[in-house]
């Protein structure tokens, strides 16, 4: 993990500016603290600080997201887009960078000495939105209820959408520590209790 993270001035990172000082979103601050990183945002109206952040948007538009410019066909599923991203990363990280004269994958081996170790557990914001499992072993997400396996009634779980599926994660005791474990995956519904895939 690097010592600091740089983001754009989006409201998800910087909620306000008071006397020229950026006020960070509390969840972003908590996540940064959890991972041992300070969160910074670009200086408003400063192209130099914003350039690195916007480069990722340009990459997504040019190389990954279907557009008329690159004639890439539409992805059939979110999984196909993820696979395309992984393939593109392998290709681009093996290419020699004109500034450093080395491939990014080789530079990472050098830069690891300057990074610090990640904590054993992820920050809960990465797991999704927190829900309490009801007495009928379900959680409500949007206008639908989704069932959970036995043993989770009254406990907190986290729900997030991954592609076309809803993932429910619970903290499970591994014997040495508590660890987040995926319980079911569902096709999101808008009706009654969903059925298992």
Protein backbone atom coordinates (compact mmCIF):
# COMPACT_ATOMS: atom_id res chain seq x y z
CA UNK A 1 0.00 0.00 0.00
CA UNK A 2 1.40 3.47 -0.85
CA UNK A 3 1.70 6.22 1.75
CA UNK A 4 -0.90 8.41 0.02
CA UNK A 5 -3.71 8.15 -2.52
CA UNK A 6 -4.59 10.88 -5.02
CA UNK A 7 -8.15 11.35 -6.24
CA UNK A 8 -10.11 13.89 -8.21
CA UNK A 9 -12.29 16.42 -6.38
CA UNK A 10 -15.36 14.21 -6.76
CA UNK A 11 -17.91 14.40 -3.91
CA UNK A 12 -17.11 10.76 -3.10
CA UNK A 13 -13.63 11.93 -1.98
CA UNK A 14 -13.89 15.65 -1.17
CA UNK A 15 -17.26 16.76 0.20
CA UNK A 16 -16.42 20.46 0.52
CA UNK A 17 -13.70 23.13 0.63
CA UNK A 18 -13.50 25.39 3.70
CA UNK A 19 -11.09 28.34 3.48
CA UNK A 20 -9.34 26.58 0.62
CA UNK A 21 -8.85 23.36 2.60
CA UNK A 22 -10.39 20.16 1.24
CA UNK A 23 -12.82 18.36 3.56
CA UNK A 24 -12.64 14.61 2.89
CA UNK A 25 -15.59 12.24 2.92
CA UNK A 26 -15.59 10.49 6.35
CA UNK A 27 -15.77 7.00 4.80
CA UNK A 28 -12.76 7.74 2.59
CA UNK A 29 -10.83 9.07 5.60
CA UNK A 30 -11.71 5.94 7.63
CA UNK A 31 -10.67 3.65 4.76
CA UNK A 32 -7.39 5.54 4.31
CA UNK A 33 -6.67 5.31 8.03
CA UNK A 34 -7.46 1.56 7.98
CA UNK A 35 -4.98 0.97 5.16
CA UNK A 36 -2.38 3.41 6.49
CA UNK A 37 -2.66 5.89 3.62
CA UNK A 38 -3.33 9.62 3.54
CA UNK A 39 -5.99 10.64 1.03
CA UNK A 40 -5.26 13.70 -1.12
CA UNK A 41 -7.29 15.27 -3.90
CA UNK A 42 -6.23 17.26 -6.93
CA UNK A 43 -5.84 21.01 -6.65
CA UNK A 44 -8.85 22.69 -8.28
CA UNK A 45 -8.01 24.13 -11.72
CA UNK A 46 -4.53 22.56 -11.68
CA UNK A 47 -4.08 20.40 -14.81
CA UNK A 48 -0.75 19.02 -13.60
CA UNK A 49 -2.15 17.40 -10.45
CA UNK A 50 -5.31 16.31 -12.24
CA UNK A 51 -3.55 14.76 -15.23
CA UNK A 52 -2.62 11.49 -13.51
CA UNK A 53 -6.13 10.96 -12.22
CA UNK A 54 -7.77 11.70 -15.57
CA UNK A 55 -5.38 9.36 -17.39
CA UNK A 56 -7.27 6.37 -15.98
CA UNK A 57 -10.53 7.76 -17.37
CA UNK A 58 -8.90 8.25 -20.77
CA UNK A 59 -7.57 4.68 -20.70
CA UNK A 60 -11.03 3.31 -19.89
CA UNK A 61 -12.65 5.31 -22.68
CA UNK A 62 -10.05 4.54 -25.34
CA UNK A 63 -9.04 0.96 -24.56
CA UNK A 64 -11.88 -0.71 -22.67
CA UNK A 65 -15.31 0.90 -22.98
CA UNK A 66 -17.05 0.32 -26.32
CA UNK A 67 -16.99 3.44 -28.48
CA UNK A 68 -17.26 4.22 -32.19
CA UNK A 69 -13.65 5.45 -32.09
CA UNK A 70 -12.04 2.06 -31.41
CA UNK A 71 -14.82 -0.02 -33.03
CA UNK A 72 -14.82 -2.44 -30.10
CA UNK A 73 -18.06 -4.38 -29.84
CA UNK A 74 -20.24 -4.20 -26.74
CA UNK A 75 -19.43 -6.55 -23.86
CA UNK A 76 -22.08 -9.20 -23.29
CA UNK A 77 -21.58 -9.31 -19.51
CA UNK A 78 -19.73 -7.44 -16.78
CA UNK A 79 -17.46 -10.50 -16.51
CA UNK A 80 -16.34 -9.98 -20.12
CA UNK A 81 -15.39 -6.37 -19.29
CA UNK A 82 -13.43 -7.55 -16.21
CA UNK A 83 -11.59 -10.14 -18.37
CA UNK A 84 -10.78 -7.42 -20.94
CA UNK A 85 -9.43 -5.18 -18.15
CA UNK A 86 -7.19 -7.98 -16.83
CA UNK A 87 -5.87 -8.75 -20.33
CA UNK A 88 -5.22 -5.06 -20.99
CA UNK A 89 -3.37 -4.69 -17.65
CA UNK A 90 -1.09 -7.63 -18.46
CA UNK A 91 -0.30 -6.08 -21.85
CA UNK A 92 0.28 -2.51 -20.66
CA UNK A 93 2.26 -3.46 -17.52
CA UNK A 94 4.72 -5.49 -19.62
CA UNK A 95 5.40 -2.55 -21.98
CA UNK A 96 8.52 -0.43 -21.40
CA UNK A 97 7.57 3.03 -20.08
CA UNK A 98 9.21 5.90 -21.96
CA UNK A 99 9.97 7.92 -18.79
CA UNK A 100 11.42 5.16 -16.58
CA UNK A 101 12.87 2.96 -19.33
CA UNK A 102 11.44 -0.11 -17.58
CA UNK A 103 8.23 -2.13 -17.69
CA UNK A 104 5.76 -1.36 -14.90
CA UNK A 105 5.77 -4.99 -13.79
CA UNK A 106 9.56 -4.72 -13.24
CA UNK A 107 9.28 -1.33 -11.50
CA UNK A 108 6.77 -2.80 -9.06
CA UNK A 109 9.44 -5.18 -7.76
CA UNK A 110 11.64 -2.13 -6.94
CA UNK A 111 8.78 -0.05 -5.54
CA UNK A 112 7.56 -2.80 -3.18
CA UNK A 113 10.36 -1.81 -0.80
CA UNK A 114 8.66 1.61 -0.40
CA UNK A 115 5.14 0.25 0.16
CA UNK A 116 3.75 -0.89 3.50
CA UNK A 117 1.91 -4.13 4.24
CA UNK A 118 -1.88 -4.18 3.99
CA UNK A 119 -3.88 -5.01 7.14
CA UNK A 120 -5.17 -8.56 7.48
CA UNK A 121 -8.81 -7.57 6.96
CA UNK A 122 -10.36 -5.23 4.37
CA UNK A 123 -12.12 -2.03 5.44
CA UNK A 124 -15.85 -2.71 5.63
CA UNK A 125 -16.57 0.03 3.04
CA UNK A 126 -14.99 -2.31 0.47
CA UNK A 127 -17.49 -5.03 1.37
CA UNK A 128 -20.63 -3.03 0.47
CA UNK A 129 -23.64 -1.65 2.32
CA UNK A 130 -24.23 -2.99 5.81
CA UNK A 131 -27.47 -4.87 6.51
CA UNK A 132 -28.87 -6.77 9.54
CA UNK A 133 -30.12 -10.30 8.85
CA UNK A 134 -33.81 -10.53 9.81
CA UNK A 135 -35.47 -13.36 11.80
CA UNK A 136 -36.56 -14.96 8.50
CA UNK A 137 -32.87 -15.19 7.41
CA UNK A 138 -33.23 -12.46 4.78
CA UNK A 139 -31.78 -9.03 4.10
CA UNK A 140 -33.53 -6.25 2.21
CA UNK A 141 -31.67 -4.59 -0.65
CA UNK A 142 -33.69 -2.10 -2.65
CA UNK A 143 -37.21 -3.47 -3.02
CA UNK A 144 -36.27 -7.15 -2.73
CA UNK A 145 -35.35 -9.57 0.04
CA UNK A 146 -32.48 -12.03 -0.31
CA UNK A 147 -32.02 -15.11 1.85
CA UNK A 148 -28.85 -16.00 3.75
CA UNK A 149 -27.63 -19.39 5.00
CA UNK A 150 -28.62 -20.55 8.51
CA UNK A 151 -26.66 -19.11 11.41
CA UNK A 152 -26.66 -15.44 10.39
CA UNK A 153 -29.91 -14.21 12.00
CA UNK A 154 -29.27 -11.00 13.96
CA UNK A 155 -25.76 -10.53 12.53
CA UNK A 156 -24.39 -7.81 10.26
CA UNK A 157 -23.67 -8.64 6.63
CA UNK A 158 -22.52 -6.47 3.72
CA UNK A 159 -24.18 -6.37 0.29
CA UNK A 160 -22.72 -5.10 -2.98
CA UNK A 161 -23.38 -5.53 -6.68
CA UNK A 162 -20.68 -7.24 -8.72
CA UNK A 163 -21.55 -7.20 -12.39
CA UNK A 164 -25.03 -8.66 -12.71
CA UNK A 165 -25.01 -10.28 -9.25
CA UNK A 166 -25.61 -9.26 -5.65
CA UNK A 167 -22.87 -10.52 -3.31
CA UNK A 168 -23.55 -10.93 0.43
CA UNK A 169 -20.52 -11.07 2.74
CA UNK A 170 -20.44 -12.05 6.42
CA UNK A 171 -17.67 -12.04 9.02
CA UNK A 172 -16.71 -15.65 9.80
CA UNK A 173 -14.52 -16.91 12.66
CA UNK A 174 -11.62 -18.86 11.13
CA UNK A 175 -10.37 -19.98 14.55
CA UNK A 176 -7.55 -17.43 14.66
CA UNK A 177 -9.41 -14.31 13.52
CA UNK A 178 -12.64 -12.99 12.03
CA UNK A 179 -12.54 -12.88 8.24
CA UNK A 180 -15.06 -11.67 5.61
CA UNK A 181 -16.48 -14.59 3.62
CA UNK A 182 -18.88 -14.47 0.70
CA UNK A 183 -22.12 -16.26 1.52
CA UNK A 184 -24.60 -16.41 -1.40
CA UNK A 185 -24.57 -14.63 -4.75
CA UNK A 186 -27.90 -13.69 -6.27
CA UNK A 187 -29.28 -12.30 -9.48
CA UNK A 188 -30.76 -8.97 -8.27
CA UNK A 189 -34.55 -8.98 -8.31
CA UNK A 190 -37.20 -6.35 -7.79
CA UNK A 191 -39.86 -8.63 -6.31
CA UNK A 192 -40.20 -11.01 -3.36
CA UNK A 193 -37.55 -13.26 -1.81
CA UNK A 194 -35.08 -14.22 -4.53
CA UNK A 195 -34.19 -17.75 -5.56
CA UNK A 196 -30.70 -19.18 -5.31
CA UNK A 197 -28.72 -19.34 -8.54
